[in-house]
Amino acid sequence: MNINPHLSFENTEVAFQSRTNGELKKTYFLFSLMNLPWLVGFGTWTVSMALKLHLPVKKLIKKTLFSHFCGGESITDAQPTIDKLSESGIYTILDFSAEGEENEVEFDKTTAEQLRIIEYASRSEQLPFSVMKISGVASNALLQKIQQKKPLGESEKEAYQRIKNRVESICQKSFDLDVRLMIDAEETWIQEPIDEMVYEMMAKFNADKPVIWNTYQMYRKDSLENLKKAYQSATTHGYWLGAKLVRGAYMEKERELANENGYPDPIQPDKEATDNDFNAGMKFCLENKQRIALFAGTHNEDSSLYLATMMEKDGMKKNDPNFWFGQLYGMSDNISFTLANEGFNVAKYVPYGPIEKVLPYLFRRAEENTSIAGQSSREYLLVKKELKRRKEGKG
């Protein structure tokens, strides 16, 4: 792997330029807690029970995990976060992360919120993308039944048509208002009908530029091949392929279900295989940039350096409109702020939603930071380093 000698993610002054001393100390405290897996497990259980018992814990959540990983409870609540990121050259992707019940009323509410995000983004250069999960507007059980190719009853056929109508209305709004839309990847057992809908929307709306983007979880054994097949289809049918590459989010669940049901594990055998496919996927996108736009969603420093180096060697502009780096709000600021400072396109996913409905997202972030090898420790040490630098600088 070629590593750019001019780019380093060790400069904590750049990484935390937007954080006050007070904010940095709070971040230090949070990541010190997330270094303790037993505490994260106990804490998530305790908070869940406290909310069920209607104990007054929302203020505590809002001042800690919620304020660190989320932009607010509504779109307008998130605007100060959007403005603050923009001051450092970082764009925002608003992510409605509320997880509600699976019913038609909730699906329609989520659809309406997605349309509001797109309208809001269309009025701001700070918001170049919107993002959605198909499962937010569709029944998982129905998607699974469709993937299994089981016959649908009349009411199920009607429900499936409503799903497709919701997705198309959101894609149409994205096209009409010129806001790029990324559609998240989900579990393997519902991904095929999601892919079918996304590629249908790409064929309809991506003739001139990448408006609709699909997501590829590179910890799946078949994702690199799926990316290449999608490129061939886009080339054959004359539309742009928008590709967001991530490592993945459902590994434990995927492996458990594969084991329970006796089918082959769809996940890569180890992290190295995932890393190799992620980097190979980025390389493939860059080599075919006449037809592919890339969003590299990664907290991995080596992969970020790899893409930056490939772009430089290829003679590309750092701010090529079709090549982006992305991280989650509240994580990997050393990557985001360094790349933005160097002139690359960087966007932070900024989740928002009512606190009680965003809790599943927050718990996943806390658990993720304990389970990713070294992730919380890395964040913790970088914050510690910056606090020490500031203290010595003042002295």
Protein backbone atom coordinates (compact mmCIF):
# COMPACT_ATOMS: atom_id res chain seq x y z
CA MET A 1 0.00 0.00 0.00
CA ASN A 2 1.30 3.43 -0.91
CA ILE A 3 1.05 5.86 1.97
CA ASN A 4 1.12 9.62 1.43
CA PRO A 5 4.10 10.95 3.40
CA HIS A 6 2.59 14.45 3.47
CA LEU A 7 -0.61 13.39 5.20
CA SER A 8 -0.76 12.49 8.88
CA PHE A 9 -3.67 11.92 11.23
CA GLU A 10 -1.58 12.60 14.33
CA ASN A 11 -2.03 16.40 14.42
CA THR A 12 -4.50 16.79 17.30
CA GLU A 13 -4.49 20.58 17.01
CA VAL A 14 -6.14 20.23 13.58
CA ALA A 15 -8.31 17.28 14.66
CA PHE A 16 -9.90 19.11 17.57
CA GLN A 17 -9.76 22.69 16.32
CA SER A 18 -13.52 23.11 16.73
CA ARG A 19 -13.67 21.82 20.32
CA THR A 20 -13.43 24.04 23.38
CA ASN A 21 -11.50 22.80 26.40
CA GLY A 22 -14.78 21.99 28.13
CA GLU A 23 -16.06 19.99 25.15
CA LEU A 24 -12.76 18.16 24.88
CA LYS A 25 -12.81 17.21 28.56
CA LYS A 26 -16.34 15.83 28.16
CA THR A 27 -15.18 13.81 25.12
CA TYR A 28 -12.24 12.50 27.15
CA PHE A 29 -14.62 11.42 29.91
CA LEU A 30 -17.00 9.67 27.48
CA PHE A 31 -14.28 7.72 25.69
CA SER A 32 -12.67 6.75 28.99
CA LEU A 33 -16.00 5.15 29.93
CA MET A 34 -16.31 3.46 26.52
CA ASN A 35 -12.94 1.83 27.16
CA LEU A 36 -14.79 -0.29 29.75
CA PRO A 37 -17.05 -2.80 27.93
CA TRP A 38 -18.71 -4.02 31.15
CA LEU A 39 -19.71 -0.44 31.98
CA VAL A 40 -21.15 0.16 28.50
CA GLY A 41 -23.24 -3.02 28.77
CA PHE A 42 -24.45 -2.13 32.25
CA GLY A 43 -25.10 1.48 31.27
CA THR A 44 -27.22 0.68 28.22
CA TRP A 45 -29.32 -1.75 30.25
CA THR A 46 -29.73 0.77 33.09
CA VAL A 47 -30.78 3.60 30.77
CA SER A 48 -33.30 1.36 28.98
CA MET A 49 -34.84 0.34 32.31
CA ALA A 50 -34.89 3.93 33.60
CA LEU A 51 -36.80 5.11 30.53
CA LYS A 52 -39.29 2.25 30.81
CA LEU A 53 -39.87 3.24 34.44
CA HIS A 54 -40.22 6.92 33.37
CA LEU A 55 -37.29 7.99 35.54
CA PRO A 56 -35.87 11.48 34.73
CA VAL A 57 -32.76 10.42 32.80
CA LYS A 58 -33.35 12.20 29.46
CA LYS A 59 -31.42 15.31 30.53
CA LEU A 60 -28.41 13.19 31.49
CA ILE A 61 -28.52 11.33 28.15
CA LYS A 62 -28.88 14.59 26.23
CA LYS A 63 -25.83 16.12 27.90
CA THR A 64 -23.62 13.06 27.40
CA LEU A 65 -24.01 10.43 24.65
CA PHE A 66 -26.69 12.32 22.72
CA SER A 67 -24.82 15.62 22.45
CA HIS A 68 -21.62 13.82 21.44
CA PHE A 69 -23.07 11.59 18.70
CA CYS A 70 -26.19 13.51 17.58
CA GLY A 71 -26.96 16.95 16.19
CA GLY A 72 -30.29 17.47 17.96
CA GLU A 73 -33.86 16.30 18.14
CA SER A 74 -34.99 17.97 14.90
CA ILE A 75 -33.54 19.27 11.63
CA THR A 76 -33.43 22.85 12.89
CA ASP A 77 -31.87 21.70 16.20
CA ALA A 78 -28.96 20.34 14.14
CA GLN A 79 -28.19 23.63 12.37
CA PRO A 80 -25.61 24.87 14.95
CA THR A 81 -23.72 21.58 14.49
CA ILE A 82 -23.93 21.97 10.71
CA ASP A 83 -22.57 25.53 10.98
CA LYS A 84 -19.74 24.50 13.28
CA LEU A 85 -18.59 21.69 10.99
CA SER A 86 -18.84 24.01 7.99
CA GLU A 87 -16.42 26.47 9.62
CA SER A 88 -13.76 23.74 9.31
CA GLY A 89 -14.69 22.86 5.72
CA ILE A 90 -16.68 19.77 6.66
CA TYR A 91 -20.07 19.06 5.09
CA THR A 92 -23.02 17.44 6.86
CA ILE A 93 -25.30 14.53 6.00
CA LEU A 94 -28.42 14.69 8.16
CA ASP A 95 -29.48 11.21 9.22
CA PHE A 96 -32.94 10.75 10.73
CA SER A 97 -32.00 7.99 13.17
CA ALA A 98 -35.26 7.57 15.06
CA GLU A 99 -36.29 3.93 15.19
CA GLY A 100 -40.03 3.46 15.60
CA GLU A 101 -42.59 0.71 15.27
CA GLU A 102 -43.10 -1.11 11.97
CA ASN A 103 -46.46 0.07 10.69
CA GLU A 104 -47.85 2.06 7.77
CA VAL A 105 -48.34 5.22 9.85
CA GLU A 106 -44.69 5.23 10.96
CA PHE A 107 -43.50 4.44 7.43
CA ASP A 108 -45.41 7.44 6.08
CA LYS A 109 -44.06 9.67 8.87
CA THR A 110 -40.50 8.63 8.04
CA THR A 111 -41.13 9.26 4.33
CA ALA A 112 -42.38 12.76 5.13
CA GLU A 113 -39.29 13.41 7.27
CA GLN A 114 -36.98 12.21 4.47
CA LEU A 115 -38.67 14.64 2.08
CA ARG A 116 -38.19 17.45 4.61
CA ILE A 117 -34.46 16.63 4.85
CA ILE A 118 -34.10 16.81 1.07
CA GLU A 119 -35.94 20.13 0.91
CA TYR A 120 -33.78 21.51 3.73
CA ALA A 121 -30.59 20.25 2.06
CA SER A 122 -31.58 21.79 -1.28
CA ARG A 123 -31.38 25.24 0.34
CA SER A 124 -27.91 24.76 1.81
CA GLU A 125 -24.50 24.13 0.28
CA GLN A 126 -23.51 22.65 3.64
CA LEU A 127 -25.70 19.59 2.97
CA PRO A 128 -24.66 17.90 -0.30
CA PHE A 129 -26.29 14.53 0.49
CA SER A 130 -29.28 13.03 2.21
CA VAL A 131 -29.45 9.43 3.41
CA MET A 132 -32.14 6.86 4.11
CA LYS A 133 -32.70 3.26 5.19
CA ILE A 134 -35.30 1.39 3.17
CA SER A 135 -36.31 -0.46 6.35
CA GLY A 136 -37.45 2.92 7.71
CA VAL A 137 -40.26 2.93 5.15
CA ALA A 138 -40.82 -0.82 4.75
CA SER A 139 -41.62 -3.94 6.72
CA ASN A 140 -38.53 -6.10 7.27
CA ALA A 141 -40.68 -9.21 7.29
CA LEU A 142 -42.14 -8.32 3.89
CA LEU A 143 -38.71 -7.55 2.42
CA GLN A 144 -37.45 -10.89 3.71
CA LYS A 145 -40.42 -12.73 2.19
CA ILE A 146 -39.76 -11.03 -1.16
CA GLN A 147 -36.10 -12.03 -1.03
CA GLN A 148 -37.10 -15.62 -0.27
CA LYS A 149 -39.35 -15.46 -3.35
CA LYS A 150 -42.38 -16.64 -1.39
CA PRO A 151 -45.79 -15.88 -2.91
CA LEU A 152 -47.38 -12.68 -1.65
CA GLY A 153 -51.01 -12.23 -0.70
CA GLU A 154 -53.02 -9.35 -2.17
CA SER A 155 -52.53 -7.14 0.89
CA GLU A 156 -48.78 -7.87 0.81
CA LYS A 157 -48.59 -6.96 -2.87
CA GLU A 158 -50.31 -3.68 -2.08
CA ALA A 159 -47.93 -3.05 0.83
CA TYR A 160 -44.93 -3.75 -1.42
CA GLN A 161 -46.25 -1.29 -4.00
CA ARG A 162 -46.58 1.34 -1.25
CA ILE A 163 -42.93 0.71 -0.30
CA LYS A 164 -41.84 1.23 -3.89
CA ASN A 165 -43.98 4.36 -4.14
CA ARG A 166 -42.39 5.81 -1.01
CA VAL A 167 -38.88 5.08 -2.26
CA GLU A 168 -39.61 6.55 -5.68
CA SER A 169 -41.16 9.71 -4.20
CA ILE A 170 -38.00 10.28 -2.14
CA CYS A 171 -35.72 9.61 -5.12
CA GLN A 172 -37.85 11.87 -7.34
CA LYS A 173 -37.57 14.70 -4.81
CA SER A 174 -33.79 14.18 -4.68
CA PHE A 175 -33.61 14.40 -8.47
CA ASP A 176 -35.92 17.42 -8.70
CA LEU A 177 -34.02 19.39 -6.04
CA ASP A 178 -30.54 18.14 -7.04
CA VAL A 179 -29.66 16.58 -3.67
CA ARG A 180 -27.69 13.34 -3.80
CA LEU A 181 -29.35 10.47 -1.92
CA MET A 182 -27.42 7.61 -0.34
CA ILE A 183 -29.38 4.49 0.51
CA ASP A 184 -27.92 2.45 3.35
CA ALA A 185 -27.10 -1.24 3.15
CA GLU A 186 -28.89 -3.56 5.56
CA GLU A 187 -28.89 -7.22 6.57
CA THR A 188 -28.17 -9.81 3.86
CA TRP A 189 -31.61 -11.40 4.20
CA ILE A 190 -33.37 -8.21 3.01
CA GLN A 191 -30.64 -6.66 0.84
CA GLU A 192 -31.66 -8.12 -2.54
CA PRO A 193 -35.03 -6.32 -2.86
CA ILE A 194 -33.32 -3.16 -1.58
CA ASP A 195 -30.68 -3.45 -4.31
CA GLU A 196 -33.35 -4.04 -6.94
CA MET A 197 -35.17 -0.85 -5.95
CA VAL A 198 -31.97 1.20 -5.80
CA TYR A 199 -30.73 0.09 -9.21
CA GLU A 200 -34.14 0.77 -10.70
CA MET A 201 -33.94 4.31 -9.28
CA MET A 202 -30.38 4.74 -10.56
CA ALA A 203 -31.47 3.78 -14.07
CA LYS A 204 -34.25 6.35 -13.85
CA PHE A 205 -32.42 9.27 -12.22
CA ASN A 206 -28.64 8.85 -12.77
CA ALA A 207 -28.38 9.36 -16.52
CA ASP A 208 -26.42 12.62 -16.25
CA LYS A 209 -24.85 12.45 -12.79
CA PRO A 210 -24.88 10.32 -9.62
CA VAL A 211 -28.04 11.32 -7.75
CA ILE A 212 -28.95 7.94 -6.21
CA TRP A 213 -26.19 5.98 -4.41
CA ASN A 214 -26.12 2.39 -3.18
CA THR A 215 -24.10 1.13 -0.22
CA TYR A 216 -21.69 -1.82 -0.25
CA GLN A 217 -20.70 -3.49 3.02
CA MET A 218 -17.24 -4.79 2.27
CA TYR A 219 -17.21 -7.22 5.18
CA ARG A 220 -19.52 -9.31 3.01
CA LYS A 221 -17.66 -11.85 0.88
CA ASP A 222 -19.68 -10.97 -2.22
CA SER A 223 -19.67 -7.16 -2.04
CA LEU A 224 -16.64 -6.52 -4.25
CA GLU A 225 -18.12 -8.71 -6.98
CA ASN A 226 -21.53 -7.04 -6.52
CA LEU A 227 -19.88 -3.63 -6.96
CA LYS A 228 -18.26 -4.77 -10.21
CA LYS A 229 -21.55 -6.22 -11.51
CA ALA A 230 -23.31 -2.95 -10.66
CA TYR A 231 -20.68 -1.05 -12.65
CA GLN A 232 -21.19 -3.34 -15.66
CA SER A 233 -24.94 -2.80 -15.49
CA ALA A 234 -24.52 0.98 -15.18
CA THR A 235 -22.19 0.97 -18.19
CA THR A 236 -24.53 -1.21 -20.25
CA HIS A 237 -27.59 0.91 -19.48
CA GLY A 238 -25.87 4.29 -19.56
CA TYR A 239 -26.21 5.68 -16.04
CA TRP A 240 -23.90 6.70 -13.21
CA LEU A 241 -23.17 4.33 -10.34
CA GLY A 242 -23.05 6.09 -6.98
CA ALA A 243 -21.17 3.81 -4.58
CA LYS A 244 -20.83 4.29 -0.86
CA LEU A 245 -18.31 1.83 0.58
CA VAL A 246 -18.40 0.89 4.26
CA ARG A 247 -16.95 -2.03 6.17
CA GLY A 248 -20.29 -3.09 7.67
CA ALA A 249 -22.63 -2.97 10.63
CA TYR A 250 -24.35 -6.30 11.32
CA MET A 251 -21.57 -8.87 11.70
CA GLU A 252 -22.67 -10.60 14.92
CA LYS A 253 -26.31 -10.78 13.79
CA GLU A 254 -25.30 -12.13 10.36
CA ARG A 255 -23.12 -14.87 11.79
CA GLU A 256 -25.68 -15.92 14.39
CA LEU A 257 -28.44 -16.30 11.81
CA ALA A 258 -26.18 -18.17 9.38
CA ASN A 259 -25.23 -20.59 12.17
CA GLU A 260 -28.85 -21.04 13.33
CA ASN A 261 -30.17 -21.70 9.82
CA GLY A 262 -27.25 -23.75 8.52
CA TYR A 263 -26.25 -21.60 5.53
CA PRO A 264 -22.73 -20.33 4.75
CA ASP A 265 -21.51 -17.34 6.76
CA PRO A 266 -21.74 -14.33 4.38
CA ILE A 267 -19.09 -12.38 6.32
CA GLN A 268 -15.37 -12.27 5.46
CA PRO A 269 -13.18 -14.71 7.41
CA ASP A 270 -11.16 -11.94 9.09
CA LYS A 271 -10.55 -8.20 9.27
CA GLU A 272 -7.67 -8.39 6.82
CA ALA A 273 -9.95 -9.80 4.10
CA THR A 274 -12.43 -6.97 4.76
CA ASP A 275 -9.69 -4.34 4.62
CA ASN A 276 -8.34 -5.81 1.38
CA ASP A 277 -11.76 -5.77 -0.30
CA PHE A 278 -12.53 -2.26 0.97
CA ASN A 279 -9.31 -0.92 -0.53
CA ALA A 280 -9.78 -2.95 -3.72
CA GLY A 281 -13.28 -1.51 -4.00
CA MET A 282 -12.00 2.06 -3.71
CA LYS A 283 -9.32 1.31 -6.30
CA PHE A 284 -11.93 -0.12 -8.68
CA CYS A 285 -14.09 3.00 -8.29
CA LEU A 286 -11.16 5.31 -8.97
CA GLU A 287 -10.08 3.30 -12.03
CA ASN A 288 -13.62 3.63 -13.41
CA LYS A 289 -14.35 7.19 -12.33
CA GLN A 290 -15.84 8.01 -15.73
CA ARG A 291 -18.92 6.05 -14.58
CA ILE A 292 -18.58 5.65 -10.78
CA ALA A 293 -18.79 8.21 -7.95
CA LEU A 294 -17.32 7.13 -4.61
CA PHE A 295 -18.16 7.91 -1.00
CA ALA A 296 -15.61 6.20 1.27
CA GLY A 297 -17.32 5.83 4.62
CA THR A 298 -14.50 4.78 6.89
CA HIS A 299 -12.91 5.36 10.28
CA ASN A 300 -9.83 3.48 9.13
CA GLU A 301 -6.75 5.69 8.83
CA ASP A 302 -4.89 3.40 6.42
CA SER A 303 -7.82 3.25 3.99
CA SER A 304 -8.22 7.03 4.15
CA LEU A 305 -4.53 7.52 3.40
CA TYR A 306 -4.73 4.95 0.62
CA LEU A 307 -7.54 6.75 -1.20
CA ALA A 308 -5.93 10.17 -0.74
CA THR A 309 -2.68 8.79 -2.16
CA MET A 310 -4.40 7.13 -5.14
CA MET A 311 -6.23 10.36 -5.96
CA GLU A 312 -2.97 12.32 -5.84
CA LYS A 313 -1.14 9.80 -8.06
CA ASP A 314 -4.03 9.86 -10.52
CA GLY A 315 -3.75 13.63 -10.78
CA MET A 316 -7.27 14.17 -9.49
CA LYS A 317 -8.37 17.35 -7.77
CA LYS A 318 -8.72 16.82 -4.04
CA ASN A 319 -12.22 18.26 -4.17
CA ASP A 320 -13.39 16.24 -7.17
CA PRO A 321 -17.21 16.44 -6.83
CA ASN A 322 -17.59 12.68 -7.24
CA PHE A 323 -15.11 11.56 -4.57
CA TRP A 324 -15.89 11.89 -0.86
CA PHE A 325 -14.66 10.78 2.53
CA GLY A 326 -17.13 10.33 5.39
CA GLN A 327 -17.21 9.60 9.10
CA LEU A 328 -19.85 9.58 11.82
CA TYR A 329 -20.32 12.69 13.94
CA GLY A 330 -18.51 12.29 17.24
CA MET A 331 -15.95 9.82 15.89
CA SER A 332 -12.59 9.97 14.08
CA ASP A 333 -12.27 13.75 14.05
CA ASN A 334 -8.55 13.29 13.41
CA ILE A 335 -9.45 11.83 9.99
CA SER A 336 -12.30 14.20 9.12
CA PHE A 337 -10.66 17.49 10.10
CA THR A 338 -7.25 16.55 8.69
CA LEU A 339 -8.66 15.59 5.28
CA ALA A 340 -10.87 18.68 5.17
CA ASN A 341 -7.89 20.82 6.14
CA GLU A 342 -6.01 19.31 3.17
CA GLY A 343 -8.84 20.26 0.81
CA PHE A 344 -10.58 16.89 0.33
CA ASN A 345 -14.37 16.53 0.31
CA VAL A 346 -15.38 15.35 3.78
CA ALA A 347 -18.87 14.87 5.18
CA LYS A 348 -19.96 13.89 8.66
CA TYR A 349 -23.09 11.82 9.21
CA VAL A 350 -25.03 13.83 11.79
CA PRO A 351 -27.88 11.78 13.29
CA TYR A 352 -30.89 13.48 14.81
CA GLY A 353 -34.27 12.56 16.25
CA PRO A 354 -36.21 12.41 19.54
CA ILE A 355 -33.91 11.15 22.30
CA GLU A 356 -35.98 8.09 23.22
CA LYS A 357 -36.18 7.03 19.56
CA VAL A 358 -32.47 7.58 18.88
CA LEU A 359 -31.36 5.48 21.85
CA PRO A 360 -30.87 2.27 19.79
CA TYR A 361 -28.49 4.23 17.55
CA LEU A 362 -26.62 5.65 20.57
CA PHE A 363 -26.29 2.23 22.17
CA ARG A 364 -24.85 0.82 18.94
CA ARG A 365 -22.28 3.63 18.83
CA ALA A 366 -21.25 2.99 22.43
CA GLU A 367 -21.03 -0.76 21.88
CA GLU A 368 -19.23 -0.29 18.57
CA ASN A 369 -16.55 1.79 20.25
CA THR A 370 -15.90 -1.01 22.71
CA SER A 371 -15.95 -3.80 20.11
CA ILE A 372 -13.82 -2.24 17.36
CA ALA A 373 -10.27 -3.13 18.28
CA GLY A 374 -8.59 -0.04 19.61
CA GLN A 375 -11.27 2.42 18.39
CA SER A 376 -12.23 3.94 21.75
CA SER A 377 -8.63 3.68 22.95
CA ARG A 378 -7.43 5.52 19.84
CA GLU A 379 -9.98 8.33 20.31
CA TYR A 380 -9.21 8.48 24.03
CA LEU A 381 -5.45 8.79 23.51
CA LEU A 382 -5.81 11.48 20.83
CA VAL A 383 -8.03 13.60 23.09
CA LYS A 384 -5.61 13.06 25.97
CA LYS A 385 -2.74 14.18 23.74
CA GLU A 386 -4.57 17.36 22.72
CA LEU A 387 -5.54 18.26 26.29
CA LYS A 388 -1.88 17.89 27.28
CA ARG A 389 -0.76 20.04 24.31
CA ARG A 390 -3.20 22.80 25.26
CA LYS A 391 -2.17 22.71 28.90
CA GLU A 392 1.52 22.96 28.02
CA GLY A 393 0.80 25.68 25.47
CA LYS A 394 -0.90 27.80 28.10
CA GLY A 395 1.86 27.19 30.59
